[in-house]
């Protein structure tokens, strides 16, 4: 499991320096995405928008759910668009959609307009995931694990700075809509840069063709050509389980801390969680250059499982704080990105489509597992949600162990 990646197994020693500037500009999209995916979850933003719409704060949460709906609607065809038309057009679609999202939310006179804007925001996420991630993987070959981890870094940096941005607006006595308009303007500037940066377009075009030179298929056609094995399906399922782990913690752990561990300030768990995530990004970005990314798909969820068991059994404020840091590190610190990198390595001719598949699994996890947790928590209490998290995370560990045991065979067959 601790197999070191030998230099003899790689044809290249590192990414082409010619494209590092291009990769940085593409990653800037994920800084804006970090703001976009967190914006509707901020309490002050919720209150601001509720006042703007003349409705209750809970309606903002309903609008935020439309982000997931937008992802699910567009993921089945955003990947094939990336594989057939190239990474640049797909990324530009994401950029345009995000600009419309920010302007739509800022301008929205009611919940209905905001809901449509949120669907566009989810679509933007899909196009960025299937355009920017494969592009960066190609730009930074053979360091695909590092390429995907950097998307998480830019998201986390934005989420870390977002409270300070909102605080600055409050001090300046400016409406929070100013931040949304600024984000729209910035991502449009990034879009202009994306139009101009050099990208390996021939590689993108080649990715849109099979070995026979035929044009890329539709989403279903690409799936038929992918020749999925039990191992690759298990790998995609990890996208579901790893998302469930950190989403359940983010949405339910503070309730456990307050009701079961009797914490006076459970909100502090978020600070520790974010710190763990950022530490993981830096540590893992170094480690993936020495070890196969697939190894972390088993190690990190195993750490998370042990930590969840300790939190459930000990039930103290101190263990909840420690748990927040460890779960932030082991569950939200890049497992989904590493799973994405691994499936991109296994299916090099349909990177966009395969990214769509794993992100669909992640989006389904957001919706189904949180819905189940809401019903379970209401019926049996916060502790039952921790148990649910333990079970799902343990399943993820078993899937990852299976993939690791068969990885050599899978890579040899699919690549």
Protein backbone atom coordinates (compact mmCIF):
# COMPACT_ATOMS: atom_id res chain seq x y z
CA UNK A 1 0.00 0.00 0.00
CA UNK A 2 2.93 2.33 0.47
CA UNK A 3 4.35 1.68 -2.97
CA UNK A 4 6.59 4.53 -4.07
CA UNK A 5 6.13 5.76 -7.59
CA UNK A 6 9.37 4.97 -9.35
CA UNK A 7 10.82 7.43 -11.79
CA UNK A 8 11.16 4.52 -14.23
CA UNK A 9 7.41 4.21 -14.47
CA UNK A 10 6.98 7.72 -15.87
CA UNK A 11 7.88 8.95 -19.31
CA UNK A 12 8.21 12.51 -18.11
CA UNK A 13 9.72 13.98 -14.96
CA UNK A 14 7.21 16.74 -14.53
CA UNK A 15 4.77 19.15 -16.14
CA UNK A 16 5.83 21.24 -19.13
CA UNK A 17 6.90 24.68 -17.86
CA UNK A 18 5.37 26.23 -20.99
CA UNK A 19 1.90 25.54 -19.63
CA UNK A 20 2.31 26.39 -15.93
CA UNK A 21 0.99 29.92 -16.49
CA UNK A 22 -1.99 28.49 -18.34
CA UNK A 23 -2.69 26.12 -15.48
CA UNK A 24 -2.57 28.98 -12.94
CA UNK A 25 -5.13 30.98 -14.92
CA UNK A 26 -7.40 27.96 -15.17
CA UNK A 27 -7.11 27.41 -11.40
CA UNK A 28 -8.24 30.98 -10.77
CA UNK A 29 -11.68 29.82 -11.87
CA UNK A 30 -11.73 27.59 -8.80
CA UNK A 31 -10.99 30.54 -6.53
CA UNK A 32 -14.19 32.19 -7.80
CA UNK A 33 -15.95 28.82 -7.56
CA UNK A 34 -14.92 28.62 -3.91
CA UNK A 35 -16.86 31.84 -3.32
CA UNK A 36 -19.80 30.76 -5.47
CA UNK A 37 -20.35 27.39 -3.83
CA UNK A 38 -20.13 28.91 -0.31
CA UNK A 39 -22.01 32.16 -0.83
CA UNK A 40 -25.56 30.96 -0.19
CA UNK A 41 -24.51 29.14 2.96
CA UNK A 42 -23.35 32.30 4.75
CA UNK A 43 -25.84 33.49 7.34
CA UNK A 44 -25.38 37.19 6.55
CA UNK A 45 -25.92 36.50 2.85
CA UNK A 46 -29.04 34.50 3.65
CA UNK A 47 -30.46 37.38 5.69
CA UNK A 48 -29.53 39.89 2.97
CA UNK A 49 -31.20 37.87 0.20
CA UNK A 50 -34.25 37.05 2.33
CA UNK A 51 -34.76 40.79 2.82
CA UNK A 52 -34.27 41.42 -0.88
CA UNK A 53 -36.88 38.79 -1.79
CA UNK A 54 -39.27 39.64 1.05
CA UNK A 55 -39.25 36.06 2.29
CA UNK A 56 -37.81 33.82 5.00
CA UNK A 57 -34.19 32.71 5.38
CA UNK A 58 -35.18 29.07 4.78
CA UNK A 59 -36.06 29.98 1.17
CA UNK A 60 -32.38 30.79 0.54
CA UNK A 61 -31.50 27.23 1.52
CA UNK A 62 -34.02 25.97 -1.04
CA UNK A 63 -32.33 28.10 -3.70
CA UNK A 64 -28.92 26.72 -2.67
CA UNK A 65 -30.25 23.21 -3.35
CA UNK A 66 -30.68 24.25 -7.00
CA UNK A 67 -26.89 24.29 -7.32
CA UNK A 68 -26.97 20.51 -7.03
CA UNK A 69 -29.85 20.31 -9.47
CA UNK A 70 -27.87 22.31 -12.02
CA UNK A 71 -24.94 19.94 -11.64
CA UNK A 72 -27.06 16.85 -12.13
CA UNK A 73 -28.76 18.31 -15.22
CA UNK A 74 -25.52 19.26 -16.99
CA UNK A 75 -22.97 16.65 -15.93
CA UNK A 76 -24.19 13.96 -18.38
CA UNK A 77 -23.33 16.16 -21.38
CA UNK A 78 -20.68 18.56 -20.05
CA UNK A 79 -18.08 15.77 -20.14
CA UNK A 80 -18.74 14.76 -23.76
CA UNK A 81 -18.67 18.45 -24.74
CA UNK A 82 -15.20 18.64 -23.18
CA UNK A 83 -14.04 15.50 -24.98
CA UNK A 84 -15.52 16.46 -28.36
CA UNK A 85 -15.07 20.25 -28.49
CA UNK A 86 -12.00 20.59 -26.28
CA UNK A 87 -11.25 21.80 -22.76
CA UNK A 88 -11.21 25.52 -23.60
CA UNK A 89 -14.83 25.78 -24.90
CA UNK A 90 -16.08 23.75 -21.94
CA UNK A 91 -14.23 25.99 -19.47
CA UNK A 92 -15.62 29.09 -21.19
CA UNK A 93 -19.17 27.73 -20.85
CA UNK A 94 -18.53 27.34 -17.13
CA UNK A 95 -17.16 30.87 -16.86
CA UNK A 96 -20.14 32.39 -18.69
CA UNK A 97 -22.58 30.40 -16.54
CA UNK A 98 -20.88 31.53 -13.33
CA UNK A 99 -21.03 35.19 -14.40
CA UNK A 100 -24.77 34.79 -14.99
CA UNK A 101 -25.12 33.10 -11.60
CA UNK A 102 -23.49 35.93 -9.68
CA UNK A 103 -25.38 38.66 -11.55
CA UNK A 104 -28.63 36.71 -11.29
CA UNK A 105 -28.35 36.25 -7.52
CA UNK A 106 -27.35 39.87 -6.97
CA UNK A 107 -30.17 41.18 -9.17
CA UNK A 108 -32.85 38.65 -8.19
CA UNK A 109 -36.05 40.39 -7.08
CA UNK A 110 -37.58 37.10 -5.95
CA UNK A 111 -36.83 33.47 -5.20
CA UNK A 112 -37.85 32.26 -8.67
CA UNK A 113 -35.24 34.35 -10.47
CA UNK A 114 -32.61 33.31 -7.92
CA UNK A 115 -33.53 29.64 -8.40
CA UNK A 116 -32.84 29.87 -12.13
CA UNK A 117 -29.55 31.64 -11.39
CA UNK A 118 -28.59 28.87 -8.96
CA UNK A 119 -29.24 26.22 -11.60
CA UNK A 120 -26.82 28.13 -13.83
CA UNK A 121 -24.33 28.13 -10.95
CA UNK A 122 -24.57 24.35 -10.73
CA UNK A 123 -24.13 24.12 -14.50
CA UNK A 124 -21.03 26.34 -14.19
CA UNK A 125 -19.60 23.93 -11.64
CA UNK A 126 -20.15 21.01 -14.03
CA UNK A 127 -18.50 22.73 -16.99
CA UNK A 128 -15.53 23.80 -14.89
CA UNK A 129 -15.11 20.29 -13.46
CA UNK A 130 -15.19 18.62 -16.87
CA UNK A 131 -13.25 21.34 -18.71
CA UNK A 132 -10.70 22.75 -16.28
CA UNK A 133 -9.83 19.56 -14.35
CA UNK A 134 -9.01 17.45 -17.45
CA UNK A 135 -7.16 20.41 -18.97
CA UNK A 136 -5.00 20.82 -15.87
CA UNK A 137 -4.39 17.06 -15.71
CA UNK A 138 -3.13 17.23 -19.30
CA UNK A 139 -1.11 20.40 -18.69
CA UNK A 140 0.63 18.95 -15.64
CA UNK A 141 1.19 15.37 -16.75
CA UNK A 142 2.35 13.11 -15.23
CA UNK A 143 1.38 14.81 -11.94
CA UNK A 144 -2.37 14.23 -12.25
CA UNK A 145 -2.84 13.89 -8.49
CA UNK A 146 -1.22 17.26 -7.86
CA UNK A 147 -3.24 18.80 -10.70
CA UNK A 148 -6.56 17.88 -9.10
CA UNK A 149 -5.42 18.69 -5.55
CA UNK A 150 -4.68 22.26 -6.60
CA UNK A 151 -8.35 22.81 -7.46
CA UNK A 152 -9.16 22.07 -3.82
CA UNK A 153 -6.45 24.48 -2.68
CA UNK A 154 -7.90 27.38 -4.67
CA UNK A 155 -11.41 26.59 -3.40
CA UNK A 156 -10.21 26.47 0.22
CA UNK A 157 -8.28 29.72 -0.12
CA UNK A 158 -11.43 31.47 -1.34
CA UNK A 159 -13.53 29.99 1.46
CA UNK A 160 -10.94 31.11 4.00
CA UNK A 161 -10.98 34.68 2.68
CA UNK A 162 -14.75 34.95 2.12
CA UNK A 163 -15.62 36.06 5.71
CA UNK A 164 -13.01 38.82 5.46
CA UNK A 165 -14.48 39.96 2.14
CA UNK A 166 -17.94 40.19 3.67
CA UNK A 167 -16.52 41.94 6.71
CA UNK A 168 -14.87 44.54 4.49
CA UNK A 169 -18.19 45.23 2.76
CA UNK A 170 -19.89 45.64 6.12
CA UNK A 171 -17.23 48.09 7.32
CA UNK A 172 -17.58 50.07 4.08
CA UNK A 173 -21.36 49.99 4.47
CA UNK A 174 -21.77 48.42 1.04
CA UNK A 175 -24.45 45.84 0.12
CA UNK A 176 -23.34 42.24 -0.22
CA UNK A 177 -24.46 42.31 -3.85
CA UNK A 178 -21.25 44.25 -4.56
CA UNK A 179 -19.26 41.08 -3.89
CA UNK A 180 -21.40 39.17 -6.39
CA UNK A 181 -20.96 41.79 -9.11
CA UNK A 182 -17.19 41.86 -8.47
CA UNK A 183 -17.00 38.06 -8.75
CA UNK A 184 -18.91 38.19 -12.05
CA UNK A 185 -16.51 40.82 -13.42
CA UNK A 186 -13.42 38.93 -12.24
CA UNK A 187 -14.46 35.60 -13.74
CA UNK A 188 -15.22 37.32 -17.06
CA UNK A 189 -11.67 38.73 -17.03
CA UNK A 190 -10.41 35.21 -16.35
CA UNK A 191 -12.49 34.08 -19.33
CA UNK A 192 -10.70 36.57 -21.61
CA UNK A 193 -7.37 35.17 -20.38
CA UNK A 194 -8.55 31.61 -20.98
CA UNK A 195 -9.25 32.59 -24.58
CA UNK A 196 -5.62 33.66 -25.00
CA UNK A 197 -3.56 31.15 -23.00
CA UNK A 198 -1.72 28.32 -24.78
CA UNK A 199 -3.28 24.89 -24.32
CA UNK A 200 -2.31 21.54 -25.85
CA UNK A 201 -5.30 21.66 -28.21
CA UNK A 202 -4.10 18.70 -30.24
CA UNK A 203 -4.12 16.58 -27.11
CA UNK A 204 -7.63 17.73 -26.30
CA UNK A 205 -8.73 16.89 -29.81
CA UNK A 206 -7.01 13.53 -29.57
CA UNK A 207 -8.85 12.88 -26.36
CA UNK A 208 -12.05 13.31 -28.30
CA UNK A 209 -11.15 10.45 -30.61
CA UNK A 210 -10.90 6.75 -30.09
CA UNK A 211 -7.97 4.66 -31.20
CA UNK A 212 -9.51 4.29 -34.65
CA UNK A 213 -9.70 8.06 -35.16
CA UNK A 214 -13.49 8.19 -35.04
CA UNK A 215 -15.22 11.20 -33.57
CA UNK A 216 -16.12 11.17 -29.92
CA UNK A 217 -19.42 9.59 -29.01
CA UNK A 218 -22.29 10.89 -26.94
CA UNK A 219 -22.27 10.41 -23.20
CA UNK A 220 -23.86 6.94 -23.54
CA UNK A 221 -21.59 6.07 -26.45
CA UNK A 222 -18.52 7.00 -24.42
CA UNK A 223 -19.74 4.82 -21.58
CA UNK A 224 -20.09 1.84 -23.91
CA UNK A 225 -16.53 2.28 -25.13
CA UNK A 226 -15.16 2.70 -21.62
CA UNK A 227 -15.41 -1.05 -20.90
CA UNK A 228 -16.05 -0.67 -17.19
CA UNK A 229 -14.80 -3.35 -14.85
CA UNK A 230 -15.93 -4.10 -11.32
CA UNK A 231 -12.82 -2.30 -10.09
CA UNK A 232 -13.52 0.89 -12.02
CA UNK A 233 -17.14 0.92 -10.84
CA UNK A 234 -15.87 0.58 -7.27
CA UNK A 235 -13.56 3.51 -7.88
CA UNK A 236 -16.43 5.67 -9.12
CA UNK A 237 -18.49 4.61 -6.09
CA UNK A 238 -15.75 6.10 -3.90
CA UNK A 239 -16.83 9.48 -5.30
CA UNK A 240 -20.17 8.81 -3.61
CA UNK A 241 -18.81 7.58 -0.27
CA UNK A 242 -16.08 10.18 0.20
CA UNK A 243 -18.54 12.99 -0.53
CA UNK A 244 -20.99 11.54 2.00
CA UNK A 245 -18.29 11.53 4.68
CA UNK A 246 -17.52 15.24 4.62
CA UNK A 247 -21.06 16.37 3.77
CA UNK A 248 -22.52 14.50 6.73
CA UNK A 249 -19.87 15.99 9.00
CA UNK A 250 -20.31 19.53 7.67
CA UNK A 251 -24.09 19.47 7.99
CA UNK A 252 -24.63 17.35 11.10
CA UNK A 253 -21.53 17.28 13.32
CA UNK A 254 -22.25 20.59 15.04
CA UNK A 255 -25.67 19.30 16.08
CA UNK A 256 -23.96 16.25 17.58
CA UNK A 257 -21.46 18.50 19.36
CA UNK A 258 -24.23 20.59 20.92
CA UNK A 259 -26.82 17.92 21.74
CA UNK A 260 -24.61 14.94 22.60
CA UNK A 261 -21.17 16.33 23.54
CA UNK A 262 -22.73 19.43 25.21
CA UNK A 263 -20.42 21.93 23.52
CA UNK A 264 -21.05 25.57 24.35
CA UNK A 265 -19.73 26.80 21.00
CA UNK A 266 -20.03 24.03 18.38
CA UNK A 267 -19.43 26.59 15.65
CA UNK A 268 -15.71 26.39 16.49
CA UNK A 269 -15.71 22.95 14.89
CA UNK A 270 -15.88 24.65 11.51
CA UNK A 271 -12.62 26.49 12.19
CA UNK A 272 -10.81 23.27 13.05
CA UNK A 273 -12.37 21.52 10.06
CA UNK A 274 -11.16 24.20 7.63
CA UNK A 275 -7.67 24.11 9.18
CA UNK A 276 -7.51 20.35 8.68
CA UNK A 277 -8.57 20.69 5.06
CA UNK A 278 -5.91 23.27 4.24
CA UNK A 279 -3.16 21.28 5.98
CA UNK A 280 -4.21 18.18 4.02
CA UNK A 281 -4.00 20.01 0.71
CA UNK A 282 -0.38 21.00 1.27
CA UNK A 283 0.72 17.69 2.78
CA UNK A 284 -1.06 15.54 0.22
CA UNK A 285 0.16 17.67 -2.68
CA UNK A 286 3.68 16.72 -1.64
CA UNK A 287 2.90 13.07 -0.94
CA UNK A 288 1.18 12.41 -4.27
CA UNK A 289 4.51 13.10 -5.96
CA UNK A 290 6.01 10.14 -4.09
CA UNK A 291 3.12 7.71 -3.77
CA UNK A 292 0.36 6.62 -6.11
CA UNK A 293 -2.78 8.75 -5.54
CA UNK A 294 -4.90 5.58 -5.37
CA UNK A 295 -3.20 4.64 -2.07
CA UNK A 296 -4.70 7.67 -0.33
CA UNK A 297 -8.20 6.58 -1.31
CA UNK A 298 -7.88 3.83 1.30
CA UNK A 299 -5.63 5.48 3.89
CA UNK A 300 -7.55 8.74 4.37
CA UNK A 301 -11.05 7.24 4.70
CA UNK A 302 -9.61 4.65 7.12
CA UNK A 303 -8.33 7.51 9.31
CA UNK A 304 -11.74 9.20 9.06
CA UNK A 305 -13.53 6.00 10.08
CA UNK A 306 -11.40 5.60 13.21
CA UNK A 307 -11.95 9.26 14.12
CA UNK A 308 -15.71 9.00 13.68
CA UNK A 309 -15.80 5.96 15.96
CA UNK A 310 -13.82 7.85 18.61
CA UNK A 311 -16.15 10.86 18.38
CA UNK A 312 -19.20 8.64 18.78
CA UNK A 313 -17.78 6.67 21.71
CA UNK A 314 -16.07 9.42 23.75
CA UNK A 315 -18.63 12.23 23.23
CA UNK A 316 -16.64 15.16 24.68
CA UNK A 317 -16.04 18.70 23.36
CA UNK A 318 -12.31 18.02 23.05
CA UNK A 319 -12.78 14.92 20.89
CA UNK A 320 -15.27 16.81 18.71
CA UNK A 321 -12.69 19.53 18.09
CA UNK A 322 -10.03 16.94 17.30
CA UNK A 323 -12.50 15.10 15.13
CA UNK A 324 -13.28 18.24 13.16
CA UNK A 325 -9.61 18.73 12.31
CA UNK A 326 -9.02 15.07 11.43
CA UNK A 327 -12.19 14.77 9.32
CA UNK A 328 -11.29 18.01 7.56
CA UNK A 329 -7.87 16.55 6.81
CA UNK A 330 -8.83 12.99 5.89
CA UNK A 331 -12.26 13.42 4.29
CA UNK A 332 -12.34 16.91 2.77
CA UNK A 333 -8.64 17.36 2.02
CA UNK A 334 -8.71 15.99 -1.50
CA UNK A 335 -10.04 12.42 -1.57
CA UNK A 336 -12.65 13.30 -4.20
CA UNK A 337 -9.99 15.08 -6.27
CA UNK A 338 -7.63 12.10 -6.01
CA UNK A 339 -10.42 9.72 -7.03
CA UNK A 340 -11.03 11.96 -10.03
CA UNK A 341 -7.34 11.92 -10.91
CA UNK A 342 -7.24 8.13 -10.70
CA UNK A 343 -10.21 7.59 -13.02
CA UNK A 344 -8.71 10.13 -15.44
CA UNK A 345 -5.53 8.02 -15.50
CA UNK A 346 -7.52 4.85 -16.13
CA UNK A 347 -9.63 6.34 -18.94
CA UNK A 348 -7.28 8.73 -20.77
CA UNK A 349 -9.39 8.98 -23.96
CA UNK A 350 -12.59 10.15 -22.21
CA UNK A 351 -11.32 12.30 -19.36
CA UNK A 352 -14.24 14.71 -19.57
CA UNK A 353 -16.87 11.98 -19.60
CA UNK A 354 -15.31 10.02 -16.76
CA UNK A 355 -15.02 13.22 -14.70
CA UNK A 356 -18.74 13.72 -15.32
CA UNK A 357 -19.48 10.24 -13.99
CA UNK A 358 -17.61 10.63 -10.73
CA UNK A 359 -19.07 14.10 -10.18
CA UNK A 360 -22.56 12.69 -10.80
CA UNK A 361 -21.84 10.14 -8.07
CA UNK A 362 -20.72 12.99 -5.80
CA UNK A 363 -23.83 15.06 -6.58
CA UNK A 364 -26.14 12.12 -5.94
CA UNK A 365 -24.41 11.64 -2.60
CA UNK A 366 -25.09 15.27 -1.67
CA UNK A 367 -28.79 14.87 -2.29
CA UNK A 368 -29.58 11.33 -1.13
CA UNK A 369 -27.36 11.02 1.94
CA UNK A 370 -28.24 14.42 3.38
CA UNK A 371 -31.94 13.71 2.82
CA UNK A 372 -31.55 10.41 4.67
CA UNK A 373 -29.57 12.08 7.44
CA UNK A 374 -32.28 14.70 7.93
CA UNK A 375 -34.94 12.02 8.39
CA UNK A 376 -32.71 9.84 10.53
CA UNK A 377 -31.59 12.68 12.78
CA UNK A 378 -35.15 13.87 13.35
CA UNK A 379 -36.29 10.35 14.26
CA UNK A 380 -33.35 9.00 16.27
CA UNK A 381 -31.07 11.92 17.13
CA UNK A 382 -27.69 13.29 16.10
CA UNK A 383 -25.81 10.19 17.22
CA UNK A 384 -27.55 8.10 14.58
CA UNK A 385 -26.13 10.34 11.86
CA UNK A 386 -22.59 9.73 13.14
CA UNK A 387 -23.30 5.99 12.94
CA UNK A 388 -24.53 6.44 9.37
CA UNK A 389 -21.32 8.29 8.57
CA UNK A 390 -19.21 5.51 10.09
CA UNK A 391 -20.99 2.87 7.99
CA UNK A 392 -20.70 4.80 4.70
CA UNK A 393 -17.06 5.74 5.30
CA UNK A 394 -16.19 2.13 6.17
CA UNK A 395 -17.80 1.01 2.90
CA UNK A 396 -15.59 3.53 1.14
CA UNK A 397 -12.52 2.00 2.80
CA UNK A 398 -13.50 -1.49 1.61
CA UNK A 399 -14.06 -0.21 -1.93
CA UNK A 400 -10.66 1.52 -1.89
CA UNK A 401 -8.87 -1.57 -0.58
CA UNK A 402 -10.41 -3.59 -3.39
CA UNK A 403 -9.33 -1.02 -5.99
CA UNK A 404 -5.79 -0.92 -4.57
CA UNK A 405 -5.46 -4.69 -4.67
CA UNK A 406 -6.52 -4.77 -8.32
CA UNK A 407 -5.07 -1.44 -9.45
CA UNK A 408 -2.13 -2.87 -11.38
CA UNK A 409 -4.39 -5.11 -13.43
CA UNK A 410 -6.94 -2.33 -13.95
CA UNK A 411 -4.37 0.24 -15.07
CA UNK A 412 -2.76 -2.22 -17.45
CA UNK A 413 -6.07 -3.09 -19.05
CA UNK A 414 -7.66 0.35 -19.33
CA UNK A 415 -4.71 2.58 -20.14
